[in-house]
C-alpha atoms as a PDB file:
ATOM      1  CA  LYS A   1       0.068   0.120  -0.361  1.00  0.00           C
ATOM      2  CA  THR A   2       1.212   3.447  -0.724  1.00  0.00           C
ATOM      3  CA  GLY A   3       1.454   5.885   2.580  1.00  0.00           C
ATOM      4  CA  VAL A   4       3.610   8.246   3.409  1.00  0.00           C
ATOM      5  CA  ARG A   5       6.821   6.481   4.082  1.00  0.00           C
ATOM      6  CA  THR A   6       5.859   5.530   0.252  1.00  0.00           C
ATOM      7  CA  PHE A   7       6.315   9.180  -0.479  1.00  0.00           C
ATOM      8  CA  GLU A   8       9.063  10.170   1.693  1.00  0.00           C
ATOM      9  CA  ALA A   9      10.896   7.195  -0.083  1.00  0.00           C
ATOM     10  CA  ALA A  10      10.416   8.496  -3.570  1.00  0.00           C
ATOM     11  CA  ALA A  11      11.288  12.345  -2.797  1.00  0.00           C
ATOM     12  CA  PHE A  12      14.285  11.088  -1.540  1.00  0.00           C
ATOM     13  CA  LEU A  13      15.535   9.185  -4.161  1.00  0.00           C
ATOM     14  CA  ARG A  14      14.428  12.140  -6.419  1.00  0.00           C
ATOM     15  CA  ARG A  15      16.489  14.162  -4.119  1.00  0.00           C
ATOM     16  CA  CYS A  16      19.479  11.923  -4.635  1.00  0.00           C
ATOM     17  CA  GLY A  17      18.857  11.996  -8.231  1.00  0.00           C
ATOM     18  CA  ALA A  18      16.642   9.046  -9.136  1.00  0.00           C
ATOM     19  CA  ASP A  19      15.473   8.933 -12.688  1.00  0.00           C
ATOM     20  CA  ILE A  20      11.902   7.461 -11.197  1.00  0.00           C
ATOM     21  CA  PRO A  21      10.447   6.765 -14.773  1.00  0.00           C
ATOM     22  CA  PHE A  22      13.657   4.825 -15.409  1.00  0.00           C
ATOM     23  CA  VAL A  23      13.764   3.160 -12.160  1.00  0.00           C
ATOM     24  CA  ARG A  24       9.497   2.077 -13.196  1.00  0.00           C
ATOM     25  CA  LYS A  25      10.471   0.826 -16.799  1.00  0.00           C
ATOM     26  CA  MET A  26      13.198  -1.656 -15.151  1.00  0.00           C
ATOM     27  CA  LEU A  27      11.208  -2.720 -12.344  1.00  0.00           C
ATOM     28  CA  ARG A  28       8.136  -3.858 -14.932  1.00  0.00           C
ATOM     29  CA  ASP A  29       7.270  -7.398 -16.008  1.00  0.00           C
ATOM     30  CA  ASP A  30       6.832  -8.556 -19.574  1.00  0.00           C
ATOM     31  CA  MET A  31       3.252  -9.908 -20.397  1.00  0.00           C
ATOM     32  CA  LYS A  32       3.820 -13.280 -20.153  1.00  0.00           C
ATOM     33  CA  SER A  33       4.694 -12.955 -16.365  1.00  0.00           C
ATOM     34  CA  TYR A  34       2.485 -10.606 -15.773  1.00  0.00           C
ATOM     35  CA  GLN A  35      -0.276 -12.924 -17.152  1.00  0.00           C
ATOM     36  CA  ALA A  36       1.227 -15.605 -15.051  1.00  0.00           C
ATOM     37  CA  LYS A  37       1.011 -14.043 -11.975  1.00  0.00           C
ATOM     38  CA  ALA A  38      -2.541 -12.932 -12.659  1.00  0.00           C
ATOM     39  CA  GLY A  39      -3.415 -16.418 -12.859  1.00  0.00           C
ATOM     40  CA  ILE A  40      -1.914 -17.278  -9.648  1.00  0.00           C
ATOM     41  CA  ILE A  41      -3.502 -14.282  -7.843  1.00  0.00           C
ATOM     42  CA  SER A  42      -7.164 -15.423  -9.827  1.00  0.00           C
ATOM     43  CA  SER A  43      -6.449 -18.866  -8.538  1.00  0.00           C
ATOM     44  CA  ALA A  44      -6.446 -18.048  -4.793  1.00  0.00           C
ATOM     45  CA  GLU A  45      -8.337 -19.511  -2.021  1.00  0.00           C
ATOM     46  CA  VAL A  46      -8.870 -18.194   1.485  1.00  0.00           C
ATOM     47  CA  TYR A  47      -8.824 -20.661   3.641  1.00  0.00           C
ATOM     48  CA  ARG A  48      -9.775 -20.257   7.554  1.00  0.00           C
ATOM     49  CA  ASP A  49     -10.721 -16.839   6.280  1.00  0.00           C
ATOM     50  CA  ILE A  50      -7.153 -15.455   6.902  1.00  0.00           C
ATOM     51  CA  PHE A  51      -4.934 -17.265   4.705  1.00  0.00           C
ATOM     52  CA  ALA A  52      -4.688 -17.166   1.232  1.00  0.00           C
ATOM     53  CA  ILE A  53      -3.651 -20.491  -1.080  1.00  0.00           C
ATOM     54  CA  ALA A  54      -2.732 -19.791  -4.134  1.00  0.00           C
ATOM     55  CA  ARG A  55      -1.034 -22.586  -6.896  1.00  0.00           C
ATOM     56  CA  GLY A  56       1.042 -21.708 -10.032  1.00  0.00           C
ATOM     57  CA  GLU A  57       1.226 -24.517 -12.364  1.00  0.00           C
ATOM     58  CA  ASP A  58       2.201 -25.095 -15.802  1.00  0.00           C
ATOM     59  CA  LEU A  59       3.852 -21.649 -15.771  1.00  0.00           C
ATOM     60  CA  HIS A  60       5.735 -21.138 -18.808  1.00  0.00           C
ATOM     61  CA  ILE A  61       8.437 -18.577 -18.126  1.00  0.00           C
ATOM     62  CA  GLU A  62      11.597 -17.916 -17.397  1.00  0.00           C
ATOM     63  CA  SER A  63      11.616 -17.452 -13.585  1.00  0.00           C
ATOM     64  CA  PRO A  64       8.380 -19.239 -12.278  1.00  0.00           C
ATOM     65  CA  THR A  65       9.408 -19.165  -8.386  1.00  0.00           C
ATOM     66  CA  ILE A  66      10.154 -15.351  -8.901  1.00  0.00           C
ATOM     67  CA  ILE A  67       6.736 -14.874  -9.762  1.00  0.00           C
ATOM     68  CA  GLY A  68       4.658 -16.887  -7.288  1.00  0.00           C
ATOM     69  CA  ALA A  69       6.919 -15.001  -5.010  1.00  0.00           C
ATOM     70  CA  GLN A  70       5.714 -11.499  -6.100  1.00  0.00           C
ATOM     71  CA  ALA A  71       2.325 -12.993  -5.881  1.00  0.00           C
ATOM     72  CA  ALA A  72       2.355 -14.024  -2.321  1.00  0.00           C
ATOM     73  CA  ASN A  73       3.226 -10.656  -1.992  1.00  0.00           C
ATOM     74  CA  GLU A  74       0.784  -8.977  -3.629  1.00  0.00           C
ATOM     75  CA  LEU A  75      -1.974 -10.965  -1.632  1.00  0.00           C
ATOM     76  CA  LEU A  76      -1.190  -9.468   1.133  1.00  0.00           C
ATOM     77  CA  ASP A  77      -2.741  -6.149  -0.245  1.00  0.00           C
ATOM     78  CA  ILE A  78      -6.296  -8.325   0.301  1.00  0.00           C
ATOM     79  CA  ASP A  79      -8.140  -6.742   3.136  1.00  0.00           C
ATOM     80  CA  GLY A  80      -8.586  -9.344   5.919  1.00  0.00           C
ATOM     81  CA  ILE A  81      -5.551 -11.766   4.358  1.00  0.00           C
ATOM     82  CA  LYS A  82      -3.167 -12.229   7.258  1.00  0.00           C
ATOM     83  CA  ALA A  83      -0.830 -14.836   5.393  1.00  0.00           C
ATOM     84  CA  THR A  84      -0.283 -15.903   1.965  1.00  0.00           C
ATOM     85  CA  PHE A  85       1.191 -19.091   0.315  1.00  0.00           C
ATOM     86  CA  VAL A  86       2.149 -19.582  -3.337  1.00  0.00           C
ATOM     87  CA  LEU A  87       2.723 -23.393  -4.532  1.00  0.00           C
ATOM     88  CA  THR A  88       4.531 -23.279  -7.513  1.00  0.00           C
ATOM     89  CA  ALA A  89       5.462 -26.232  -9.711  1.00  0.00           C
ATOM     90  CA  TYR A  90       8.997 -26.112 -11.496  1.00  0.00           C
ATOM     91  CA  ASN A  91      11.297 -28.643 -12.482  1.00  0.00           C
ATOM     92  CA  GLY A  92       9.554 -31.836 -10.611  1.00  0.00           C
ATOM     93  CA  ARG A  93       9.073 -29.561  -7.128  1.00  0.00           C
ATOM     94  CA  ILE A  94       6.480 -27.928  -5.434  1.00  0.00           C
ATOM     95  CA  TYR A  95       8.095 -24.497  -4.240  1.00  0.00           C
ATOM     96  CA  VAL A  96       6.154 -22.345  -1.288  1.00  0.00           C
ATOM     97  CA  SER A  97       6.568 -18.858  -0.864  1.00  0.00           C
ATOM     98  CA  ALA A  98       4.749 -17.797   2.368  1.00  0.00           C
ATOM     99  CA  ARG A  99       4.452 -14.342   3.420  1.00  0.00           C
ATOM    100  CA  SER A 100       2.920 -12.211   6.235  1.00  0.00           C
ATOM    101  CA  ILE A 101       2.481  -8.791   7.505  1.00  0.00           C
ATOM    102  CA  ASP A 102       3.040  -9.113  11.448  1.00  0.00           C
ATOM    103  CA  GLU A 103       0.190 -11.185  12.709  1.00  0.00           C
ATOM    104  CA  VAL A 104       1.459 -14.283  11.614  1.00  0.00           C
ATOM    105  CA  ASN A 105       4.859 -16.010  11.545  1.00  0.00           C
ATOM    106  CA  VAL A 106       5.032 -17.763   8.290  1.00  0.00           C
ATOM    107  CA  GLN A 107       8.533 -19.178   9.181  1.00  0.00           C
ATOM    108  CA  VAL A 108       7.424 -21.616  11.830  1.00  0.00           C
ATOM    109  CA  ILE A 109       4.469 -22.599   9.323  1.00  0.00           C
ATOM    110  CA  MET A 110       7.145 -23.208   6.995  1.00  0.00           C
ATOM    111  CA  GLU A 111       9.699 -24.999   9.155  1.00  0.00           C
ATOM    112  CA  LYS A 112       7.252 -27.716  10.053  1.00  0.00           C
ATOM    113  CA  LEU A 113       7.188 -28.037   6.071  1.00  0.00           C
ATOM    114  CA  GLY A 114      10.961 -28.529   6.061  1.00  0.00           C
ATOM    115  CA  GLY A 115      11.877 -25.147   5.047  1.00  0.00           C
ATOM    116  CA  GLY A 116      12.486 -21.618   6.837  1.00  0.00           C
ATOM    117  CA  GLY A 117      13.096 -18.311   6.319  1.00  0.00           C
ATOM    118  CA  HIS A 118      12.132 -15.180   7.851  1.00  0.00           C
ATOM    119  CA  MET A 119       8.555 -14.464  10.059  1.00  0.00           C
ATOM    120  CA  ASN A 120       6.941 -12.627   7.190  1.00  0.00           C
ATOM    121  CA  ALA A 121       8.684 -13.987   4.297  1.00  0.00           C
ATOM    122  CA  SER A 122       9.695 -17.679   4.135  1.00  0.00           C
ATOM    123  CA  GLY A 123       9.244 -20.661   1.698  1.00  0.00           C
ATOM    124  CA  ALA A 124       9.849 -24.787   1.357  1.00  0.00           C
ATOM    125  CA  GLN A 125       9.944 -26.770  -1.197  1.00  0.00           C
ATOM    126  CA  PHE A 126       7.747 -30.489  -1.663  1.00  0.00           C
ATOM    127  CA  ASP A 127      10.106 -32.889  -3.621  1.00  0.00           C
ATOM    128  CA  HIS A 128       8.045 -36.586  -5.388  1.00  0.00           C
ATOM    129  CA  THR A 129       4.761 -35.062  -4.517  1.00  0.00           C
ATOM    130  CA  ASN A 130       2.066 -33.180  -6.903  1.00  0.00           C
ATOM    131  CA  MET A 131       0.028 -30.019  -6.207  1.00  0.00           C
ATOM    132  CA  ASN A 132      -2.832 -31.277  -4.190  1.00  0.00           C
ATOM    133  CA  GLU A 133      -1.204 -33.016  -1.885  1.00  0.00           C
ATOM    134  CA  ALA A 134       1.026 -30.278  -1.322  1.00  0.00           C
ATOM    135  CA  VAL A 135      -1.605 -28.302  -0.621  1.00  0.00           C
ATOM    136  CA  THR A 136      -3.138 -30.327   1.286  1.00  0.00           C
ATOM    137  CA  SER A 137      -0.182 -30.969   3.493  1.00  0.00           C
ATOM    138  CA  LEU A 138       0.218 -26.983   4.178  1.00  0.00           C
ATOM    139  CA  LYS A 139      -3.523 -27.066   4.976  1.00  0.00           C
ATOM    140  CA  ARG A 140      -3.058 -30.085   7.493  1.00  0.00           C
ATOM    141  CA  VAL A 141       0.413 -27.803   9.567  1.00  0.00           C
ATOM    142  CA  ILE A 142      -2.108 -25.015   9.374  1.00  0.00           C
ATOM    143  CA  ASP A 143      -4.976 -26.781  10.608  1.00  0.00           C
ATOM    144  CA  GLU A 144      -2.766 -28.550  13.520  1.00  0.00           C
ATOM    145  CA  MET A 145      -1.121 -25.441  14.710  1.00  0.00           C
ATOM    146  CA  ILE A 146      -4.214 -23.802  15.128  1.00  0.00           C
ATOM    147  CA  GLU A 147      -5.547 -26.471  17.320  1.00  0.00           C
ATOM    148  CA  LYS A 148      -2.405 -26.494  19.168  1.00  0.00           C
ATOM    149  CA  GLY A 149      -2.790 -22.519  19.344  1.00  0.00           C
ATOM    150  CA  ASP A 150       0.404 -22.039  18.063  1.00  0.00           C
ATOM    151  CA  LEU A 151      -1.104 -19.748  15.456  1.00  0.00           C
END
């Protein structure tokens, strides 16, 4: 979201001589990547009212895991969503990008799935499984942690 800090950062960069239009052009996605990200976001399901779980499958783009991570970030912009999980199929593995703002520690969730990271940005990988099994495993971990009071 754009707020006071965003504008302060932009003003600082401009004072330092940053070429804002150039930077914006450098950070744009190509059309295939943009469409892939939009497809992932549109696949999102809301789970237990506060989690967004999305899937990226059959993505014929150069960096599907990066697009998955970007989609996980964007899903946090949805009101009421406290944590996001984007599962991306790539090279025979399922990669999970998990994001939160401050209310859910996604690191502990990813650690239960063999991954790790930071409380607001974490990930995990599934080998030898399919997308449905990976989503089921993620939901099982979330359910167990809620039942134990860990979330």
